[in-house]
Amino acid sequence: NGLAWVQNFLNGYQLGTGDKEGTN
């Protein structure tokens, strides 16, 4: 409900804990 998948393009880590209100 409050999370979406994000990926760090510095090291490739994929996280399902991206806060939907955060800015990416």
mmCIF file of all heavy atoms, coordinates in Angstrom:
data_MODEL
# 
_entry.id   MODEL 
# 
loop_
_atom_site.group_PDB 
_atom_site.id 
_atom_site.type_symbol 
_atom_site.label_atom_id 
_atom_site.label_alt_id 
_atom_site.label_comp_id 
_atom_site.label_asym_id 
_atom_site.label_entity_id 
_atom_site.label_seq_id 
_atom_site.pdbx_PDB_ins_code 
_atom_site.Cartn_x 
_atom_site.Cartn_y 
_atom_site.Cartn_z 
_atom_site.occupancy 
_atom_site.B_iso_or_equiv 
_atom_site.pdbx_formal_charge 
_atom_site.auth_seq_id 
_atom_site.auth_comp_id 
_atom_site.auth_asym_id 
_atom_site.auth_atom_id 
_atom_site.pdbx_PDB_model_num 
ATOM 1   N N   . ASN A 1 1  ? 0.804  -1.228 0.000   1.00 0.00 ? 1  ASN A N   1 
ATOM 2   C CA  . ASN A 1 1  ? 0.000  0.000  0.000   1.00 0.00 ? 1  ASN A CA  1 
ATOM 3   C C   . ASN A 1 1  ? 0.833  1.273  0.000   1.00 0.00 ? 1  ASN A C   1 
ATOM 4   O O   . ASN A 1 1  ? 0.471  2.258  -0.633  1.00 0.00 ? 1  ASN A O   1 
ATOM 5   C CB  . ASN A 1 1  ? -0.931 0.010  1.215   1.00 0.00 ? 1  ASN A CB  1 
ATOM 6   C CG  . ASN A 1 1  ? -2.078 -0.969 1.065   1.00 0.00 ? 1  ASN A CG  1 
ATOM 7   O OD1 . ASN A 1 1  ? -2.188 -1.641 0.043   1.00 0.00 ? 1  ASN A OD1 1 
ATOM 8   N ND2 . ASN A 1 1  ? -2.929 -1.051 2.077   1.00 0.00 ? 1  ASN A ND2 1 
ATOM 9   N N   . GLY A 1 2  ? 1.939  1.237  0.731   1.00 0.00 ? 2  GLY A N   1 
ATOM 10  C CA  . GLY A 1 2  ? 2.749  2.453  0.820   1.00 0.00 ? 2  GLY A CA  1 
ATOM 11  C C   . GLY A 1 2  ? 4.127  2.307  0.222   1.00 0.00 ? 2  GLY A C   1 
ATOM 12  O O   . GLY A 1 2  ? 4.954  3.209  0.349   1.00 0.00 ? 2  GLY A O   1 
ATOM 13  N N   . LEU A 1 3  ? 4.385  1.181  -0.483  1.00 0.00 ? 3  LEU A N   1 
ATOM 14  C CA  . LEU A 1 3  ? 5.740  0.891  -0.957  1.00 0.00 ? 3  LEU A CA  1 
ATOM 15  C C   . LEU A 1 3  ? 5.758  0.472  -2.429  1.00 0.00 ? 3  LEU A C   1 
ATOM 16  O O   . LEU A 1 3  ? 4.798  -0.090 -2.948  1.00 0.00 ? 3  LEU A O   1 
ATOM 17  C CB  . LEU A 1 3  ? 6.373  -0.218 -0.114  1.00 0.00 ? 3  LEU A CB  1 
ATOM 18  C CG  . LEU A 1 3  ? 6.430  0.006  1.402   1.00 0.00 ? 3  LEU A CG  1 
ATOM 19  C CD1 . LEU A 1 3  ? 6.902  -1.271 2.102   1.00 0.00 ? 3  LEU A CD1 1 
ATOM 20  C CD2 . LEU A 1 3  ? 7.346  1.181  1.739   1.00 0.00 ? 3  LEU A CD2 1 
ATOM 21  N N   . ALA A 1 4  ? 6.888  0.723  -3.072  1.00 0.00 ? 4  ALA A N   1 
ATOM 22  C CA  . ALA A 1 4  ? 7.106  0.290  -4.451  1.00 0.00 ? 4  ALA A CA  1 
ATOM 23  C C   . ALA A 1 4  ? 8.577  -0.064 -4.623  1.00 0.00 ? 4  ALA A C   1 
ATOM 24  O O   . ALA A 1 4  ? 9.440  0.371  -3.838  1.00 0.00 ? 4  ALA A O   1 
ATOM 25  C CB  . ALA A 1 4  ? 6.693  1.382  -5.433  1.00 0.00 ? 4  ALA A CB  1 
ATOM 26  N N   . TRP A 1 5  ? 8.865  -0.868 -5.638  1.00 0.00 ? 5  TRP A N   1 
ATOM 27  C CA  . TRP A 1 5  ? 10.246 -1.281 -5.903  1.00 0.00 ? 5  TRP A CA  1 
ATOM 28  C C   . TRP A 1 5  ? 11.060 -0.123 -6.477  1.00 0.00 ? 5  TRP A C   1 
ATOM 29  O O   . TRP A 1 5  ? 10.618 0.578  -7.378  1.00 0.00 ? 5  TRP A O   1 
ATOM 30  C CB  . TRP A 1 5  ? 10.279 -2.437 -6.884  1.00 0.00 ? 5  TRP A CB  1 
ATOM 31  C CG  . TRP A 1 5  ? 9.919  -3.772 -6.278  1.00 0.00 ? 5  TRP A CG  1 
ATOM 32  C CD1 . TRP A 1 5  ? 8.706  -4.381 -6.279  1.00 0.00 ? 5  TRP A CD1 1 
ATOM 33  C CD2 . TRP A 1 5  ? 10.812 -4.644 -5.577  1.00 0.00 ? 5  TRP A CD2 1 
ATOM 34  N NE1 . TRP A 1 5  ? 8.763  -5.588 -5.627  1.00 0.00 ? 5  TRP A NE1 1 
ATOM 35  C CE2 . TRP A 1 5  ? 10.059 -5.774 -5.186  1.00 0.00 ? 5  TRP A CE2 1 
ATOM 36  C CE3 . TRP A 1 5  ? 12.162 -4.579 -5.232  1.00 0.00 ? 5  TRP A CE3 1 
ATOM 37  C CZ2 . TRP A 1 5  ? 10.605 -6.839 -4.465  1.00 0.00 ? 5  TRP A CZ2 1 
ATOM 38  C CZ3 . TRP A 1 5  ? 12.720 -5.651 -4.524  1.00 0.00 ? 5  TRP A CZ3 1 
ATOM 39  C CH2 . TRP A 1 5  ? 11.955 -6.758 -4.155  1.00 0.00 ? 5  TRP A CH2 1 
ATOM 40  N N   . VAL A 1 6  ? 12.270 0.047  -5.923  1.00 0.00 ? 6  VAL A N   1 
ATOM 41  C CA  . VAL A 1 6  ? 13.219 1.038  -6.431  1.00 0.00 ? 6  VAL A CA  1 
ATOM 42  C C   . VAL A 1 6  ? 14.555 0.344  -6.673  1.00 0.00 ? 6  VAL A C   1 
ATOM 43  O O   . VAL A 1 6  ? 14.790 -0.772 -6.197  1.00 0.00 ? 6  VAL A O   1 
ATOM 44  C CB  . VAL A 1 6  ? 13.414 2.208  -5.443  1.00 0.00 ? 6  VAL A CB  1 
ATOM 45  C CG1 . VAL A 1 6  ? 12.133 3.011  -5.300  1.00 0.00 ? 6  VAL A CG1 1 
ATOM 46  C CG2 . VAL A 1 6  ? 13.897 1.698  -4.079  1.00 0.00 ? 6  VAL A CG2 1 
ATOM 47  N N   . GLN A 1 7  ? 15.431 1.014  -7.424  1.00 0.00 ? 7  GLN A N   1 
ATOM 48  C CA  . GLN A 1 7  ? 16.772 0.466  -7.649  1.00 0.00 ? 7  GLN A CA  1 
ATOM 49  C C   . GLN A 1 7  ? 17.806 1.568  -7.532  1.00 0.00 ? 7  GLN A C   1 
ATOM 50  O O   . GLN A 1 7  ? 17.634 2.671  -8.067  1.00 0.00 ? 7  GLN A O   1 
ATOM 51  C CB  . GLN A 1 7  ? 16.879 -0.198 -9.022  1.00 0.00 ? 7  GLN A CB  1 
ATOM 52  C CG  . GLN A 1 7  ? 18.235 -0.884 -9.248  1.00 0.00 ? 7  GLN A CG  1 
ATOM 53  C CD  . GLN A 1 7  ? 18.167 -2.003 -10.253 1.00 0.00 ? 7  GLN A CD  1 
ATOM 54  O OE1 . GLN A 1 7  ? 17.144 -2.221 -10.893 1.00 0.00 ? 7  GLN A OE1 1 
ATOM 55  N NE2 . GLN A 1 7  ? 19.249 -2.743 -10.413 1.00 0.00 ? 7  GLN A NE2 1 
ATOM 56  N N   . ASN A 1 8  ? 18.875 1.246  -6.811  1.00 0.00 ? 8  ASN A N   1 
ATOM 57  C CA  . ASN A 1 8  ? 19.979 2.181  -6.628  1.00 0.00 ? 8  ASN A CA  1 
ATOM 58  C C   . ASN A 1 8  ? 20.952 2.023  -7.797  1.00 0.00 ? 8  ASN A C   1 
ATOM 59  O O   . ASN A 1 8  ? 21.537 0.956  -7.983  1.00 0.00 ? 8  ASN A O   1 
ATOM 60  C CB  . ASN A 1 8  ? 20.685 1.889  -5.303  1.00 0.00 ? 8  ASN A CB  1 
ATOM 61  C CG  . ASN A 1 8  ? 21.698 2.963  -4.951  1.00 0.00 ? 8  ASN A CG  1 
ATOM 62  O OD1 . ASN A 1 8  ? 22.161 3.701  -5.815  1.00 0.00 ? 8  ASN A OD1 1 
ATOM 63  N ND2 . ASN A 1 8  ? 22.058 3.043  -3.672  1.00 0.00 ? 8  ASN A ND2 1 
ATOM 64  N N   . PHE A 1 9  ? 21.109 3.050  -8.609  1.00 0.00 ? 9  PHE A N   1 
ATOM 65  C CA  . PHE A 1 9  ? 21.995 2.969  -9.769  1.00 0.00 ? 9  PHE A CA  1 
ATOM 66  C C   . PHE A 1 9  ? 23.454 3.246  -9.410  1.00 0.00 ? 9  PHE A C   1 
ATOM 67  O O   . PHE A 1 9  ? 24.298 3.326  -10.295 1.00 0.00 ? 9  PHE A O   1 
ATOM 68  C CB  . PHE A 1 9  ? 21.497 3.916  -10.871 1.00 0.00 ? 9  PHE A CB  1 
ATOM 69  C CG  . PHE A 1 9  ? 20.494 3.262  -11.794 1.00 0.00 ? 9  PHE A CG  1 
ATOM 70  C CD1 . PHE A 1 9  ? 19.324 2.698  -11.304 1.00 0.00 ? 9  PHE A CD1 1 
ATOM 71  C CD2 . PHE A 1 9  ? 20.730 3.183  -13.167 1.00 0.00 ? 9  PHE A CD2 1 
ATOM 72  C CE1 . PHE A 1 9  ? 18.410 2.091  -12.143 1.00 0.00 ? 9  PHE A CE1 1 
ATOM 73  C CE2 . PHE A 1 9  ? 19.831 2.570  -14.018 1.00 0.00 ? 9  PHE A CE2 1 
ATOM 74  C CZ  . PHE A 1 9  ? 18.657 2.013  -13.502 1.00 0.00 ? 9  PHE A CZ  1 
ATOM 75  N N   . LEU A 1 10 ? 23.742 3.347  -8.106  1.00 0.00 ? 10 LEU A N   1 
ATOM 76  C CA  . LEU A 1 10 ? 25.126 3.421  -7.652  1.00 0.00 ? 10 LEU A CA  1 
ATOM 77  C C   . LEU A 1 10 ? 25.696 2.022  -7.481  1.00 0.00 ? 10 LEU A C   1 
ATOM 78  O O   . LEU A 1 10 ? 26.822 1.739  -7.893  1.00 0.00 ? 10 LEU A O   1 
ATOM 79  C CB  . LEU A 1 10 ? 25.220 4.197  -6.335  1.00 0.00 ? 10 LEU A CB  1 
ATOM 80  C CG  . LEU A 1 10 ? 26.610 4.247  -5.693  1.00 0.00 ? 10 LEU A CG  1 
ATOM 81  C CD1 . LEU A 1 10 ? 27.597 4.982  -6.608  1.00 0.00 ? 10 LEU A CD1 1 
ATOM 82  C CD2 . LEU A 1 10 ? 26.539 4.917  -4.315  1.00 0.00 ? 10 LEU A CD2 1 
ATOM 83  N N   . ASN A 1 11 ? 24.881 1.105  -6.897  1.00 0.00 ? 11 ASN A N   1 
ATOM 84  C CA  . ASN A 1 11 ? 25.386 -0.234 -6.613  1.00 0.00 ? 11 ASN A CA  1 
ATOM 85  C C   . ASN A 1 11 ? 24.467 -1.360 -7.121  1.00 0.00 ? 11 ASN A C   1 
ATOM 86  O O   . ASN A 1 11 ? 24.775 -2.534 -6.974  1.00 0.00 ? 11 ASN A O   1 
ATOM 87  C CB  . ASN A 1 11 ? 25.606 -0.424 -5.112  1.00 0.00 ? 11 ASN A CB  1 
ATOM 88  C CG  . ASN A 1 11 ? 24.375 -0.036 -4.300  1.00 0.00 ? 11 ASN A CG  1 
ATOM 89  O OD1 . ASN A 1 11 ? 23.248 -0.150 -4.764  1.00 0.00 ? 11 ASN A OD1 1 
ATOM 90  N ND2 . ASN A 1 11 ? 24.600 0.452  -3.068  1.00 0.00 ? 11 ASN A ND2 1 
ATOM 91  N N   . GLY A 1 12 ? 23.311 -1.006 -7.711  1.00 0.00 ? 12 GLY A N   1 
ATOM 92  C CA  . GLY A 1 12 ? 22.417 -2.011 -8.272  1.00 0.00 ? 12 GLY A CA  1 
ATOM 93  C C   . GLY A 1 12 ? 21.419 -2.629 -7.314  1.00 0.00 ? 12 GLY A C   1 
ATOM 94  O O   . GLY A 1 12 ? 20.619 -3.467 -7.726  1.00 0.00 ? 12 GLY A O   1 
ATOM 95  N N   . TYR A 1 13 ? 21.449 -2.259 -6.032  1.00 0.00 ? 13 TYR A N   1 
ATOM 96  C CA  . TYR A 1 13 ? 20.526 -2.849 -5.068  1.00 0.00 ? 13 TYR A CA  1 
ATOM 97  C C   . TYR A 1 13 ? 19.078 -2.531 -5.450  1.00 0.00 ? 13 TYR A C   1 
ATOM 98  O O   . TYR A 1 13 ? 18.734 -1.384 -5.725  1.00 0.00 ? 13 TYR A O   1 
ATOM 99  C CB  . TYR A 1 13 ? 20.803 -2.329 -3.661  1.00 0.00 ? 13 TYR A CB  1 
ATOM 100 C CG  . TYR A 1 13 ? 22.082 -2.831 -3.049  1.00 0.00 ? 13 TYR A CG  1 
ATOM 101 C CD1 . TYR A 1 13 ? 22.683 -2.143 -1.986  1.00 0.00 ? 13 TYR A CD1 1 
ATOM 102 C CD2 . TYR A 1 13 ? 22.703 -3.987 -3.511  1.00 0.00 ? 13 TYR A CD2 1 
ATOM 103 C CE1 . TYR A 1 13 ? 23.871 -2.594 -1.413  1.00 0.00 ? 13 TYR A CE1 1 
ATOM 104 C CE2 . TYR A 1 13 ? 23.884 -4.447 -2.947  1.00 0.00 ? 13 TYR A CE2 1 
ATOM 105 C CZ  . TYR A 1 13 ? 24.467 -3.746 -1.909  1.00 0.00 ? 13 TYR A CZ  1 
ATOM 106 O OH  . TYR A 1 13 ? 25.641 -4.195 -1.349  1.00 0.00 ? 13 TYR A OH  1 
ATOM 107 N N   . GLN A 1 14 ? 18.243 -3.562 -5.404  1.00 0.00 ? 14 GLN A N   1 
ATOM 108 C CA  . GLN A 1 14 ? 16.808 -3.381 -5.606  1.00 0.00 ? 14 GLN A CA  1 
ATOM 109 C C   . GLN A 1 14 ? 16.101 -3.572 -4.280  1.00 0.00 ? 14 GLN A C   1 
ATOM 110 O O   . GLN A 1 14 ? 16.327 -4.555 -3.575  1.00 0.00 ? 14 GLN A O   1 
ATOM 111 C CB  . GLN A 1 14 ? 16.266 -4.369 -6.649  1.00 0.00 ? 14 GLN A CB  1 
ATOM 112 C CG  . GLN A 1 14 ? 16.668 -4.018 -8.078  1.00 0.00 ? 14 GLN A CG  1 
ATOM 113 C CD  . GLN A 1 14 ? 15.908 -4.835 -9.107  1.00 0.00 ? 14 GLN A CD  1 
ATOM 114 O OE1 . GLN A 1 14 ? 15.953 -6.056 -9.119  1.00 0.00 ? 14 GLN A OE1 1 
ATOM 115 N NE2 . GLN A 1 14 ? 15.207 -4.155 -10.005 1.00 0.00 ? 14 GLN A NE2 1 
ATOM 116 N N   . LEU A 1 15 ? 15.225 -2.636 -3.949  1.00 0.00 ? 15 LEU A N   1 
ATOM 117 C CA  . LEU A 1 15 ? 14.541 -2.655 -2.665  1.00 0.00 ? 15 LEU A CA  1 
ATOM 118 C C   . LEU A 1 15 ? 13.041 -2.508 -2.888  1.00 0.00 ? 15 LEU A C   1 
ATOM 119 O O   . LEU A 1 15 ? 12.600 -1.697 -3.709  1.00 0.00 ? 15 LEU A O   1 
ATOM 120 C CB  . LEU A 1 15 ? 15.034 -1.502 -1.780  1.00 0.00 ? 15 LEU A CB  1 
ATOM 121 C CG  . LEU A 1 15 ? 16.551 -1.433 -1.532  1.00 0.00 ? 15 LEU A CG  1 
ATOM 122 C CD1 . LEU A 1 15 ? 16.907 -0.107 -0.865  1.00 0.00 ? 15 LEU A CD1 1 
ATOM 123 C CD2 . LEU A 1 15 ? 16.993 -2.602 -0.669  1.00 0.00 ? 15 LEU A CD2 1 
ATOM 124 N N   . GLY A 1 16 ? 12.262 -3.281 -2.131  1.00 0.00 ? 16 GLY A N   1 
ATOM 125 C CA  . GLY A 1 16 ? 10.823 -3.154 -2.175  1.00 0.00 ? 16 GLY A CA  1 
ATOM 126 C C   . GLY A 1 16 ? 10.304 -2.180 -1.145  1.00 0.00 ? 16 GLY A C   1 
ATOM 127 O O   . GLY A 1 16 ? 9.096  -2.108 -0.918  1.00 0.00 ? 16 GLY A O   1 
ATOM 128 N N   . THR A 1 17 ? 11.202 -1.455 -0.543  1.00 0.00 ? 17 THR A N   1 
ATOM 129 C CA  . THR A 1 17 ? 10.816 -0.566 0.558   1.00 0.00 ? 17 THR A CA  1 
ATOM 130 C C   . THR A 1 17 ? 10.826 0.904  0.164   1.00 0.00 ? 17 THR A C   1 
ATOM 131 O O   . THR A 1 17 ? 10.948 1.783  1.003   1.00 0.00 ? 17 THR A O   1 
ATOM 132 C CB  . THR A 1 17 ? 11.771 -0.773 1.745   1.00 0.00 ? 17 THR A CB  1 
ATOM 133 O OG1 . THR A 1 17 ? 13.120 -0.573 1.298   1.00 0.00 ? 17 THR A OG1 1 
ATOM 134 C CG2 . THR A 1 17 ? 11.626 -2.165 2.320   1.00 0.00 ? 17 THR A CG2 1 
ATOM 135 N N   . GLY A 1 18 ? 10.701 1.168  -1.131  1.00 0.00 ? 18 GLY A N   1 
ATOM 136 C CA  . GLY A 1 18 ? 10.644 2.564  -1.560  1.00 0.00 ? 18 GLY A CA  1 
ATOM 137 C C   . GLY A 1 18 ? 9.336  3.207  -1.126  1.00 0.00 ? 18 GLY A C   1 
ATOM 138 O O   . GLY A 1 18 ? 8.255  2.776  -1.524  1.00 0.00 ? 18 GLY A O   1 
ATOM 139 N N   . ASP A 1 19 ? 9.444  4.222  -0.284  1.00 0.00 ? 19 ASP A N   1 
ATOM 140 C CA  . ASP A 1 19 ? 8.263  4.934  0.220   1.00 0.00 ? 19 ASP A CA  1 
ATOM 141 C C   . ASP A 1 19 ? 7.602  5.673  -0.944  1.00 0.00 ? 19 ASP A C   1 
ATOM 142 O O   . ASP A 1 19 ? 8.237  6.505  -1.607  1.00 0.00 ? 19 ASP A O   1 
ATOM 143 C CB  . ASP A 1 19 ? 8.704  5.926  1.300   1.00 0.00 ? 19 ASP A CB  1 
ATOM 144 C CG  . ASP A 1 19 ? 7.542  6.596  2.006   1.00 0.00 ? 19 ASP A CG  1 
ATOM 145 O OD1 . ASP A 1 19 ? 6.486  6.784  1.367   1.00 0.00 ? 19 ASP A OD1 1 
ATOM 146 O OD2 . ASP A 1 19 ? 7.693  6.933  3.196   1.00 0.00 ? 19 ASP A OD2 1 
ATOM 147 N N   . LYS A 1 20 ? 6.316  5.397  -1.190  1.00 0.00 ? 20 LYS A N   1 
ATOM 148 C CA  . LYS A 1 20 ? 5.623  6.015  -2.311  1.00 0.00 ? 20 LYS A CA  1 
ATOM 149 C C   . LYS A 1 20 ? 5.615  7.542  -2.248  1.00 0.00 ? 20 LYS A C   1 
ATOM 150 O O   . LYS A 1 20 ? 5.458  8.208  -3.283  1.00 0.00 ? 20 LYS A O   1 
ATOM 151 C CB  . LYS A 1 20 ? 4.169  5.508  -2.393  1.00 0.00 ? 20 LYS A CB  1 
ATOM 152 C CG  . LYS A 1 20 ? 4.009  4.082  -2.891  1.00 0.00 ? 20 LYS A CG  1 
ATOM 153 C CD  . LYS A 1 20 ? 2.520  3.738  -2.969  1.00 0.00 ? 20 LYS A CD  1 
ATOM 154 C CE  . LYS A 1 20 ? 2.293  2.353  -3.508  1.00 0.00 ? 20 LYS A CE  1 
ATOM 155 N NZ  . LYS A 1 20 ? 0.855  2.022  -3.590  1.00 0.00 ? 20 LYS A NZ  1 
ATOM 156 N N   . GLU A 1 21 ? 5.763  8.086  -1.056  1.00 0.00 ? 21 GLU A N   1 
ATOM 157 C CA  . GLU A 1 21 ? 5.787  9.542  -0.915  1.00 0.00 ? 21 GLU A CA  1 
ATOM 158 C C   . GLU A 1 21 ? 7.186  10.114 -1.121  1.00 0.00 ? 21 GLU A C   1 
ATOM 159 O O   . GLU A 1 21 ? 7.351  11.328 -1.244  1.00 0.00 ? 21 GLU A O   1 
ATOM 160 C CB  . GLU A 1 21 ? 5.271  9.942  0.475   1.00 0.00 ? 21 GLU A CB  1 
ATOM 161 C CG  . GLU A 1 21 ? 3.786  9.677  0.674   1.00 0.00 ? 21 GLU A CG  1 
ATOM 162 C CD  . GLU A 1 21 ? 3.294  10.152 2.039   1.00 0.00 ? 21 GLU A CD  1 
ATOM 163 O OE1 . GLU A 1 21 ? 4.014  9.945  3.032   1.00 0.00 ? 21 GLU A OE1 1 
ATOM 164 O OE2 . GLU A 1 21 ? 2.197  10.734 2.082   1.00 0.00 ? 21 GLU A OE2 1 
ATOM 165 N N   . GLY A 1 22 ? 8.190  9.234  -1.150  1.00 0.00 ? 22 GLY A N   1 
ATOM 166 C CA  . GLY A 1 22 ? 9.557  9.691  -1.359  1.00 0.00 ? 22 GLY A CA  1 
ATOM 167 C C   . GLY A 1 22 ? 9.773  10.145 -2.793  1.00 0.00 ? 22 GLY A C   1 
ATOM 168 O O   . GLY A 1 22 ? 8.964  9.887  -3.684  1.00 0.00 ? 22 GLY A O   1 
ATOM 169 N N   . THR A 1 23 ? 10.901 10.830 -3.022  1.00 0.00 ? 23 THR A N   1 
ATOM 170 C CA  . THR A 1 23 ? 11.197 11.328 -4.367  1.00 0.00 ? 23 THR A CA  1 
ATOM 171 C C   . THR A 1 23 ? 12.391 10.587 -4.941  1.00 0.00 ? 23 THR A C   1 
ATOM 172 O O   . THR A 1 23 ? 13.479 10.566 -4.342  1.00 0.00 ? 23 THR A O   1 
ATOM 173 C CB  . THR A 1 23 ? 11.484 12.835 -4.337  1.00 0.00 ? 23 THR A CB  1 
ATOM 174 O OG1 . THR A 1 23 ? 12.536 13.107 -3.406  1.00 0.00 ? 23 THR A OG1 1 
ATOM 175 C CG2 . THR A 1 23 ? 10.238 13.608 -3.925  1.00 0.00 ? 23 THR A CG2 1 
ATOM 176 N N   . ASN A 1 24 ? 12.178 9.966  -6.070  1.00 0.00 ? 24 ASN A N   1 
ATOM 177 C CA  . ASN A 1 24 ? 13.233 9.253  -6.800  1.00 0.00 ? 24 ASN A CA  1 
ATOM 178 C C   . ASN A 1 24 ? 13.166 9.622  -8.274  1.00 0.00 ? 24 ASN A C   1 
ATOM 179 O O   . ASN A 1 24 ? 12.206 10.245 -8.736  1.00 0.00 ? 24 ASN A O   1 
ATOM 180 C CB  . ASN A 1 24 ? 13.075 7.747  -6.617  1.00 0.00 ? 24 ASN A CB  1 
ATOM 181 C CG  . ASN A 1 24 ? 13.272 7.318  -5.171  1.00 0.00 ? 24 ASN A CG  1 
ATOM 182 O OD1 . ASN A 1 24 ? 14.284 7.629  -4.546  1.00 0.00 ? 24 ASN A OD1 1 
ATOM 183 N ND2 . ASN A 1 24 ? 12.280 6.609  -4.623  1.00 0.00 ? 24 ASN A ND2 1 
# 
